[in-house]
Amino acid sequence: MRLKGRAKKIIFHVFDPILIEDLLDRDIVMIWRENDEITAVEKRQRAAMIAKMRRTIKVMKPPKPQLESDIPEPKLLDWEDFNSEGFLK
């Protein structure tokens, strides 16, 4: 077969008419469509749950480590100050 001056290979799938009639008589096609709809709903729910989990993980990220310049200087100078605060009791 030639399409617009070029030779193209075209494949026509031919199925047994008895097989097609059997599938249509038993409503197999409708069952396939129903199963596809159920599968699509399940996939959407699963994708929504995964997206929710990812958003939750982003919110729960640990804080960035502090730089040494951000850490306040200790107020206690020696052991007497430490003991007076009551930390050794």
PDB file of N, CA and C in Angstrom:
ATOM      1  N   MET A   1       0.847  -1.160   0.000  1.00  0.00           N
ATOM      2  CA  MET A   1       0.000   0.000   0.000  1.00  0.00           C
ATOM      3  C   MET A   1       0.901   1.234   0.000  1.00  0.00           C
ATOM      4  N   ARG A   2       0.549   2.235  -0.764  1.00  0.00           N
ATOM      5  CA  ARG A   2       1.331   3.459  -0.822  1.00  0.00           C
ATOM      6  C   ARG A   2       0.533   4.599  -0.197  1.00  0.00           C
ATOM      7  N   LEU A   3       1.253   5.350   0.666  1.00  0.00           N
ATOM      8  CA  LEU A   3       0.653   6.520   1.288  1.00  0.00           C
ATOM      9  C   LEU A   3       1.507   7.732   0.925  1.00  0.00           C
ATOM     10  N   LYS A   4       0.941   8.675   0.210  1.00  0.00           N
ATOM     11  CA  LYS A   4       1.621   9.904  -0.197  1.00  0.00           C
ATOM     12  C   LYS A   4       2.962   9.612  -0.860  1.00  0.00           C
ATOM     13  N   GLY A   5       2.961   8.665  -1.761  1.00  0.00           N
ATOM     14  CA  GLY A   5       4.146   8.383  -2.532  1.00  0.00           C
ATOM     15  C   GLY A   5       5.162   7.480  -1.851  1.00  0.00           C
ATOM     16  N   ARG A   6       4.939   7.110  -0.607  1.00  0.00           N
ATOM     17  CA  ARG A   6       5.888   6.250   0.082  1.00  0.00           C
ATOM     18  C   ARG A   6       5.263   4.882   0.322  1.00  0.00           C
ATOM     19  N   ALA A   7       6.092   3.896   0.265  1.00  0.00           N
ATOM     20  CA  ALA A   7       5.624   2.549   0.576  1.00  0.00           C
ATOM     21  C   ALA A   7       5.715   2.372   2.089  1.00  0.00           C
ATOM     22  N   LYS A   8       4.612   2.112   2.735  1.00  0.00           N
ATOM     23  CA  LYS A   8       4.563   1.908   4.177  1.00  0.00           C
ATOM     24  C   LYS A   8       4.048   0.506   4.458  1.00  0.00           C
ATOM     25  N   LYS A   9       4.598  -0.063   5.483  1.00  0.00           N
ATOM     26  CA  LYS A   9       4.146  -1.382   5.891  1.00  0.00           C
ATOM     27  C   LYS A   9       2.974  -1.195   6.855  1.00  0.00           C
ATOM     28  N   ILE A  10       1.833  -1.728   6.501  1.00  0.00           N
ATOM     29  CA  ILE A  10       0.631  -1.616   7.327  1.00  0.00           C
ATOM     30  C   ILE A  10       0.221  -3.014   7.743  1.00  0.00           C
ATOM     31  N   ILE A  11      -0.071  -3.154   9.023  1.00  0.00           N
ATOM     32  CA  ILE A  11      -0.483  -4.458   9.552  1.00  0.00           C
ATOM     33  C   ILE A  11      -1.942  -4.375   9.956  1.00  0.00           C
ATOM     34  N   PHE A  12      -2.732  -5.285   9.463  1.00  0.00           N
ATOM     35  CA  PHE A  12      -4.128  -5.402   9.845  1.00  0.00           C
ATOM     36  C   PHE A  12      -4.271  -6.649  10.706  1.00  0.00           C
ATOM     37  N   HIS A  13      -4.715  -6.436  11.952  1.00  0.00           N
ATOM     38  CA  HIS A  13      -4.921  -7.569  12.835  1.00  0.00           C
ATOM     39  C   HIS A  13      -6.305  -8.155  12.554  1.00  0.00           C
ATOM     40  N   VAL A  14      -6.321  -9.418  12.256  1.00  0.00           N
ATOM     41  CA  VAL A  14      -7.579 -10.096  11.955  1.00  0.00           C
ATOM     42  C   VAL A  14      -7.789 -11.170  13.019  1.00  0.00           C
ATOM     43  N   PHE A  15      -8.926 -11.078  13.708  1.00  0.00           N
ATOM     44  CA  PHE A  15      -9.245 -12.037  14.759  1.00  0.00           C
ATOM     45  C   PHE A  15     -10.357 -12.955  14.285  1.00  0.00           C
ATOM     46  N   ASP A  16     -10.400 -14.096  14.883  1.00  0.00           N
ATOM     47  CA  ASP A  16     -11.420 -15.085  14.560  1.00  0.00           C
ATOM     48  C   ASP A  16     -12.798 -14.532  14.940  1.00  0.00           C
ATOM     49  N   PRO A  17     -13.729 -14.453  14.006  1.00  0.00           N
ATOM     50  CA  PRO A  17     -15.060 -13.908  14.307  1.00  0.00           C
ATOM     51  C   PRO A  17     -15.788 -14.692  15.392  1.00  0.00           C
ATOM     52  N   ILE A  18     -15.553 -15.983  15.492  1.00  0.00           N
ATOM     53  CA  ILE A  18     -16.214 -16.797  16.521  1.00  0.00           C
ATOM     54  C   ILE A  18     -15.719 -16.371  17.906  1.00  0.00           C
ATOM     55  N   LEU A  19     -14.435 -16.095  18.033  1.00  0.00           N
ATOM     56  CA  LEU A  19     -13.873 -15.646  19.296  1.00  0.00           C
ATOM     57  C   LEU A  19     -14.462 -14.292  19.694  1.00  0.00           C
ATOM     58  N   ILE A  20     -14.558 -13.386  18.748  1.00  0.00           N
ATOM     59  CA  ILE A  20     -15.120 -12.057  19.025  1.00  0.00           C
ATOM     60  C   ILE A  20     -16.580 -12.176  19.429  1.00  0.00           C
ATOM     61  N   GLU A  21     -17.340 -12.999  18.733  1.00  0.00           N
ATOM     62  CA  GLU A  21     -18.751 -13.189  19.057  1.00  0.00           C
ATOM     63  C   GLU A  21     -18.905 -13.773  20.457  1.00  0.00           C
ATOM     64  N   ASP A  22     -18.038 -14.711  20.815  1.00  0.00           N
ATOM     65  CA  ASP A  22     -18.089 -15.325  22.136  1.00  0.00           C
ATOM     66  C   ASP A  22     -17.807 -14.285  23.230  1.00  0.00           C
ATOM     67  N   LEU A  23     -16.806 -13.443  23.002  1.00  0.00           N
ATOM     68  CA  LEU A  23     -16.490 -12.402  23.977  1.00  0.00           C
ATOM     69  C   LEU A  23     -17.649 -11.425  24.160  1.00  0.00           C
ATOM     70  N   LEU A  24     -18.271 -11.054  23.073  1.00  0.00           N
ATOM     71  CA  LEU A  24     -19.387 -10.111  23.145  1.00  0.00           C
ATOM     72  C   LEU A  24     -20.623 -10.745  23.777  1.00  0.00           C
ATOM     73  N   ASP A  25     -20.881 -12.023  23.495  1.00  0.00           N
ATOM     74  CA  ASP A  25     -22.051 -12.699  24.067  1.00  0.00           C
ATOM     75  C   ASP A  25     -21.942 -12.843  25.587  1.00  0.00           C
ATOM     76  N   ARG A  26     -20.743 -13.071  26.081  1.00  0.00           N
ATOM     77  CA  ARG A  26     -20.553 -13.268  27.518  1.00  0.00           C
ATOM     78  C   ARG A  26     -20.299 -11.949  28.264  1.00  0.00           C
ATOM     79  N   ASP A  27     -20.382 -10.824  27.578  1.00  0.00           N
ATOM     80  CA  ASP A  27     -20.148  -9.499  28.168  1.00  0.00           C
ATOM     81  C   ASP A  27     -18.770  -9.390  28.820  1.00  0.00           C
ATOM     82  N   ILE A  28     -17.810 -10.058  28.269  1.00  0.00           N
ATOM     83  CA  ILE A  28     -16.448 -10.001  28.796  1.00  0.00           C
ATOM     84  C   ILE A  28     -15.886  -8.582  28.675  1.00  0.00           C
ATOM     85  N   VAL A  29     -16.236  -7.902  27.602  1.00  0.00           N
ATOM     86  CA  VAL A  29     -15.728  -6.545  27.380  1.00  0.00           C
ATOM     87  C   VAL A  29     -16.237  -5.611  28.483  1.00  0.00           C
ATOM     88  N   MET A  30     -17.491  -5.733  28.871  1.00  0.00           N
ATOM     89  CA  MET A  30     -18.040  -4.895  29.937  1.00  0.00           C
ATOM     90  C   MET A  30     -17.358  -5.201  31.273  1.00  0.00           C
ATOM     91  N   ILE A  31     -17.064  -6.462  31.518  1.00  0.00           N
ATOM     92  CA  ILE A  31     -16.363  -6.844  32.750  1.00  0.00           C
ATOM     93  C   ILE A  31     -14.960  -6.240  32.753  1.00  0.00           C
ATOM     94  N   TRP A  32     -14.280  -6.273  31.617  1.00  0.00           N
ATOM     95  CA  TRP A  32     -12.948  -5.671  31.510  1.00  0.00           C
ATOM     96  C   TRP A  32     -13.015  -4.172  31.804  1.00  0.00           C
ATOM     97  N   ARG A  33     -14.022  -3.500  31.239  1.00  0.00           N
ATOM     98  CA  ARG A  33     -14.164  -2.057  31.456  1.00  0.00           C
ATOM     99  C   ARG A  33     -14.424  -1.735  32.924  1.00  0.00           C
ATOM    100  N   GLU A  34     -15.281  -2.535  33.572  1.00  0.00           N
ATOM    101  CA  GLU A  34     -15.568  -2.328  34.997  1.00  0.00           C
ATOM    102  C   GLU A  34     -14.300  -2.532  35.832  1.00  0.00           C
ATOM    103  N   ASN A  35     -13.550  -3.580  35.508  1.00  0.00           N
ATOM    104  CA  ASN A  35     -12.305  -3.835  36.240  1.00  0.00           C
ATOM    105  C   ASN A  35     -11.298  -2.710  36.022  1.00  0.00           C
ATOM    106  N   ASP A  36     -11.254  -2.173  34.805  1.00  0.00           N
ATOM    107  CA  ASP A  36     -10.355  -1.058  34.521  1.00  0.00           C
ATOM    108  C   ASP A  36     -10.745   0.181  35.330  1.00  0.00           C
ATOM    109  N   GLU A  37     -12.043   0.437  35.464  1.00  0.00           N
ATOM    110  CA  GLU A  37     -12.499   1.582  36.254  1.00  0.00           C
ATOM    111  C   GLU A  37     -12.112   1.409  37.718  1.00  0.00           C
ATOM    112  N   ILE A  38     -12.309   0.209  38.251  1.00  0.00           N
ATOM    113  CA  ILE A  38     -11.946  -0.070  39.647  1.00  0.00           C
ATOM    114  C   ILE A  38     -10.441   0.102  39.845  1.00  0.00           C
ATOM    115  N   THR A  39      -9.665  -0.415  38.910  1.00  0.00           N
ATOM    116  CA  THR A  39      -8.212  -0.294  38.992  1.00  0.00           C
ATOM    117  C   THR A  39      -7.787   1.167  38.932  1.00  0.00           C
ATOM    118  N   ALA A  40      -8.427   1.957  38.077  1.00  0.00           N
ATOM    119  CA  ALA A  40      -8.081   3.376  37.957  1.00  0.00           C
ATOM    120  C   ALA A  40      -8.377   4.112  39.262  1.00  0.00           C
ATOM    121  N   VAL A  41      -9.511   3.811  39.893  1.00  0.00           N
ATOM    122  CA  VAL A  41      -9.852   4.446  41.169  1.00  0.00           C
ATOM    123  C   VAL A  41      -8.826   4.071  42.234  1.00  0.00           C
ATOM    124  N   GLU A  42      -8.443   2.799  42.296  1.00  0.00           N
ATOM    125  CA  GLU A  42      -7.447   2.359  43.276  1.00  0.00           C
ATOM    126  C   GLU A  42      -6.099   3.049  43.051  1.00  0.00           C
ATOM    127  N   LYS A  43      -5.704   3.198  41.787  1.00  0.00           N
ATOM    128  CA  LYS A  43      -4.431   3.859  41.487  1.00  0.00           C
ATOM    129  C   LYS A  43      -4.471   5.327  41.886  1.00  0.00           C
ATOM    130  N   ARG A  44      -5.617   6.002  41.647  1.00  0.00           N
ATOM    131  CA  ARG A  44      -5.741   7.401  42.045  1.00  0.00           C
ATOM    132  C   ARG A  44      -5.660   7.543  43.567  1.00  0.00           C
ATOM    133  N   GLN A  45      -6.327   6.628  44.287  1.00  0.00           N
ATOM    134  CA  GLN A  45      -6.283   6.677  45.749  1.00  0.00           C
ATOM    135  C   GLN A  45      -4.869   6.422  46.259  1.00  0.00           C
ATOM    136  N   ARG A  46      -4.182   5.447  45.663  1.00  0.00           N
ATOM    137  CA  ARG A  46      -2.815   5.136  46.068  1.00  0.00           C
ATOM    138  C   ARG A  46      -1.897   6.326  45.798  1.00  0.00           C
ATOM    139  N   ALA A  47      -2.061   6.965  44.638  1.00  0.00           N
ATOM    140  CA  ALA A  47      -1.235   8.125  44.298  1.00  0.00           C
ATOM    141  C   ALA A  47      -1.511   9.288  45.259  1.00  0.00           C
ATOM    142  N   ALA A  48      -2.778   9.481  45.633  1.00  0.00           N
ATOM    143  CA  ALA A  48      -3.120  10.545  46.579  1.00  0.00           C
ATOM    144  C   ALA A  48      -2.493  10.269  47.941  1.00  0.00           C
ATOM    145  N   MET A  49      -2.505   9.015  48.373  1.00  0.00           N
ATOM    146  CA  MET A  49      -1.921   8.655  49.662  1.00  0.00           C
ATOM    147  C   MET A  49      -0.404   8.853  49.649  1.00  0.00           C
ATOM    148  N   ILE A  50       0.247   8.491  48.555  1.00  0.00           N
ATOM    149  CA  ILE A  50       1.699   8.673  48.443  1.00  0.00           C
ATOM    150  C   ILE A  50       2.035  10.168  48.456  1.00  0.00           C
ATOM    151  N   ALA A  51       1.242  10.979  47.753  1.00  0.00           N
ATOM    152  CA  ALA A  51       1.473  12.421  47.745  1.00  0.00           C
ATOM    153  C   ALA A  51       1.300  13.004  49.143  1.00  0.00           C
ATOM    154  N   LYS A  52       0.303  12.531  49.877  1.00  0.00           N
ATOM    155  CA  LYS A  52       0.077  12.998  51.246  1.00  0.00           C
ATOM    156  C   LYS A  52       1.257  12.625  52.136  1.00  0.00           C
ATOM    157  N   MET A  53       1.771  11.408  51.997  1.00  0.00           N
ATOM    158  CA  MET A  53       2.923  10.980  52.792  1.00  0.00           C
ATOM    159  C   MET A  53       4.142  11.837  52.476  1.00  0.00           C
ATOM    160  N   ARG A  54       4.367  12.134  51.208  1.00  0.00           N
ATOM    161  CA  ARG A  54       5.518  12.953  50.825  1.00  0.00           C
ATOM    162  C   ARG A  54       5.401  14.360  51.388  1.00  0.00           C
ATOM    163  N   ARG A  55       4.185  14.925  51.371  1.00  0.00           N
ATOM    164  CA  ARG A  55       3.999  16.253  51.961  1.00  0.00           C
ATOM    165  C   ARG A  55       4.267  16.214  53.455  1.00  0.00           C
ATOM    166  N   THR A  56       3.833  15.153  54.125  1.00  0.00           N
ATOM    167  CA  THR A  56       4.059  15.016  55.558  1.00  0.00           C
ATOM    168  C   THR A  56       5.542  14.906  55.858  1.00  0.00           C
ATOM    169  N   ILE A  57       6.268  14.158  55.059  1.00  0.00           N
ATOM    170  CA  ILE A  57       7.708  14.002  55.268  1.00  0.00           C
ATOM    171  C   ILE A  57       8.413  15.343  55.086  1.00  0.00           C
ATOM    172  N   LYS A  58       7.985  16.146  54.107  1.00  0.00           N
ATOM    173  CA  LYS A  58       8.593  17.449  53.897  1.00  0.00           C
ATOM    174  C   LYS A  58       8.380  18.351  55.103  1.00  0.00           C
ATOM    175  N   VAL A  59       7.205  18.280  55.720  1.00  0.00           N
ATOM    176  CA  VAL A  59       6.898  19.106  56.880  1.00  0.00           C
ATOM    177  C   VAL A  59       7.734  18.665  58.076  1.00  0.00           C
ATOM    178  N   MET A  60       7.990  17.368  58.205  1.00  0.00           N
ATOM    179  CA  MET A  60       8.678  16.817  59.367  1.00  0.00           C
ATOM    180  C   MET A  60      10.199  16.797  59.215  1.00  0.00           C
ATOM    181  N   LYS A  61      10.752  17.512  58.258  1.00  0.00           N
ATOM    182  CA  LYS A  61      12.202  17.522  58.069  1.00  0.00           C
ATOM    183  C   LYS A  61      12.886  18.031  59.330  1.00  0.00           C
ATOM    184  N   PRO A  62      14.004  17.432  59.702  1.00  0.00           N
ATOM    185  CA  PRO A  62      14.706  17.904  60.892  1.00  0.00           C
ATOM    186  C   PRO A  62      15.302  19.288  60.653  1.00  0.00           C
ATOM    187  N   PRO A  63      15.460  20.070  61.726  1.00  0.00           N
ATOM    188  CA  PRO A  63      16.024  21.412  61.541  1.00  0.00           C
ATOM    189  C   PRO A  63      17.483  21.331  61.095  1.00  0.00           C
ATOM    190  N   LYS A  64      17.920  22.373  60.435  1.00  0.00           N
ATOM    191  CA  LYS A  64      19.302  22.420  59.969  1.00  0.00           C
ATOM    192  C   LYS A  64      20.227  22.523  61.175  1.00  0.00           C
ATOM    193  N   PRO A  65      21.395  21.924  61.113  1.00  0.00           N
ATOM    194  CA  PRO A  65      22.322  22.034  62.243  1.00  0.00           C
ATOM    195  C   PRO A  65      22.786  23.480  62.427  1.00  0.00           C
ATOM    196  N   GLN A  66      22.961  23.835  63.684  1.00  0.00           N
ATOM    197  CA  GLN A  66      23.362  25.207  63.983  1.00  0.00           C
ATOM    198  C   GLN A  66      24.844  25.409  63.709  1.00  0.00           C
ATOM    199  N   LEU A  67      25.158  26.587  63.300  1.00  0.00           N
ATOM    200  CA  LEU A  67      26.555  26.952  63.111  1.00  0.00           C
ATOM    201  C   LEU A  67      27.157  27.298  64.472  1.00  0.00           C
ATOM    202  N   GLU A  68      28.453  27.245  64.564  1.00  0.00           N
ATOM    203  CA  GLU A  68      29.104  27.561  65.827  1.00  0.00           C
ATOM    204  C   GLU A  68      28.823  28.990  66.256  1.00  0.00           C
ATOM    205  N   SER A  69      28.635  29.870  65.307  1.00  0.00           N
ATOM    206  CA  SER A  69      28.360  31.276  65.648  1.00  0.00           C
ATOM    207  C   SER A  69      26.952  31.445  66.223  1.00  0.00           C
ATOM    208  N   ASP A  70      26.033  30.492  65.947  1.00  0.00           N
ATOM    209  CA  ASP A  70      24.662  30.577  66.443  1.00  0.00           C
ATOM    210  C   ASP A  70      24.524  30.042  67.865  1.00  0.00           C
ATOM    211  N   ILE A  71      25.495  29.296  68.358  1.00  0.00           N
ATOM    212  CA  ILE A  71      25.413  28.692  69.681  1.00  0.00           C
ATOM    213  C   ILE A  71      25.785  29.747  70.720  1.00  0.00           C
ATOM    214  N   PRO A  72      24.918  29.969  71.715  1.00  0.00           N
ATOM    215  CA  PRO A  72      25.227  30.998  72.711  1.00  0.00           C
ATOM    216  C   PRO A  72      26.403  30.579  73.590  1.00  0.00           C
ATOM    217  N   GLU A  73      27.114  31.567  74.105  1.00  0.00           N
ATOM    218  CA  GLU A  73      28.247  31.324  74.994  1.00  0.00           C
ATOM    219  C   GLU A  73      27.734  30.816  76.338  1.00  0.00           C
ATOM    220  N   PRO A  74      28.432  29.881  76.963  1.00  0.00           N
ATOM    221  CA  PRO A  74      27.989  29.412  78.277  1.00  0.00           C
ATOM    222  C   PRO A  74      28.127  30.518  79.324  1.00  0.00           C
ATOM    223  N   LYS A  75      27.152  30.556  80.252  1.00  0.00           N
ATOM    224  CA  LYS A  75      27.154  31.582  81.281  1.00  0.00           C
ATOM    225  C   LYS A  75      28.013  31.177  82.477  1.00  0.00           C
ATOM    226  N   LEU A  76      28.251  29.900  82.651  1.00  0.00           N
ATOM    227  CA  LEU A  76      29.032  29.418  83.785  1.00  0.00           C
ATOM    228  C   LEU A  76      30.513  29.494  83.458  1.00  0.00           C
ATOM    229  N   LEU A  77      31.284  30.079  84.345  1.00  0.00           N
ATOM    230  CA  LEU A  77      32.700  30.280  84.087  1.00  0.00           C
ATOM    231  C   LEU A  77      33.585  29.214  84.739  1.00  0.00           C
ATOM    232  N   ASP A  78      33.221  28.735  85.931  1.00  0.00           N
ATOM    233  CA  ASP A  78      34.046  27.735  86.610  1.00  0.00           C
ATOM    234  C   ASP A  78      33.143  26.767  87.375  1.00  0.00           C
ATOM    235  N   TRP A  79      33.753  25.848  88.112  1.00  0.00           N
ATOM    236  CA  TRP A  79      32.992  24.809  88.814  1.00  0.00           C
ATOM    237  C   TRP A  79      32.144  25.387  89.936  1.00  0.00           C
ATOM    238  N   GLU A  80      32.559  26.448  90.528  1.00  0.00           N
ATOM    239  CA  GLU A  80      31.771  27.049  91.612  1.00  0.00           C
ATOM    240  C   GLU A  80      30.451  27.587  91.063  1.00  0.00           C
ATOM    241  N   ASP A  81      30.500  28.218  89.902  1.00  0.00           N
ATOM    242  CA  ASP A  81      29.258  28.699  89.279  1.00  0.00           C
ATOM    243  C   ASP A  81      28.363  27.515  88.887  1.00  0.00           C
ATOM    244  N   PHE A  82      29.003  26.448  88.411  1.00  0.00           N
ATOM    245  CA  PHE A  82      28.244  25.263  88.011  1.00  0.00           C
ATOM    246  C   PHE A  82      27.548  24.657  89.227  1.00  0.00           C
ATOM    247  N   ASN A  83      28.263  24.549  90.345  1.00  0.00           N
ATOM    248  CA  ASN A  83      27.720  23.968  91.567  1.00  0.00           C
ATOM    249  C   ASN A  83      26.643  24.880  92.151  1.00  0.00           C
ATOM    250  N   SER A  84      26.816  26.205  92.042  1.00  0.00           N
ATOM    251  CA  SER A  84      25.834  27.130  92.613  1.00  0.00           C
ATOM    252  C   SER A  84      24.495  27.059  91.874  1.00  0.00           C
ATOM    253  N   GLU A  85      24.534  26.673  90.602  1.00  0.00           N
ATOM    254  CA  GLU A  85      23.298  26.513  89.821  1.00  0.00           C
ATOM    255  C   GLU A  85      22.556  25.235  90.199  1.00  0.00           C
ATOM    256  N   GLY A  86      23.205  24.301  90.883  1.00  0.00           N
ATOM    257  CA  GLY A  86      22.549  23.096  91.350  1.00  0.00           C
ATOM    258  C   GLY A  86      22.532  21.981  90.334  1.00  0.00           C
ATOM    259  N   PHE A  87      23.423  22.009  89.362  1.00  0.00           N
ATOM    260  CA  PHE A  87      23.422  20.972  88.332  1.00  0.00           C
ATOM    261  C   PHE A  87      23.995  19.647  88.827  1.00  0.00           C
ATOM    262  N   LEU A  88      24.803  19.674  89.884  1.00  0.00           N
ATOM    263  CA  LEU A  88      25.436  18.450  90.370  1.00  0.00           C
ATOM    264  C   LEU A  88      24.594  17.739  91.419  1.00  0.00           C
ATOM    265  N   LYS A  89      23.458  18.240  91.758  1.00  0.00           N
ATOM    266  CA  LYS A  89      22.607  17.620  92.791  1.00  0.00           C
ATOM    267  C   LYS A  89      21.741  16.542  92.225  1.00  0.00           C
TER     268      LYS A  89
END
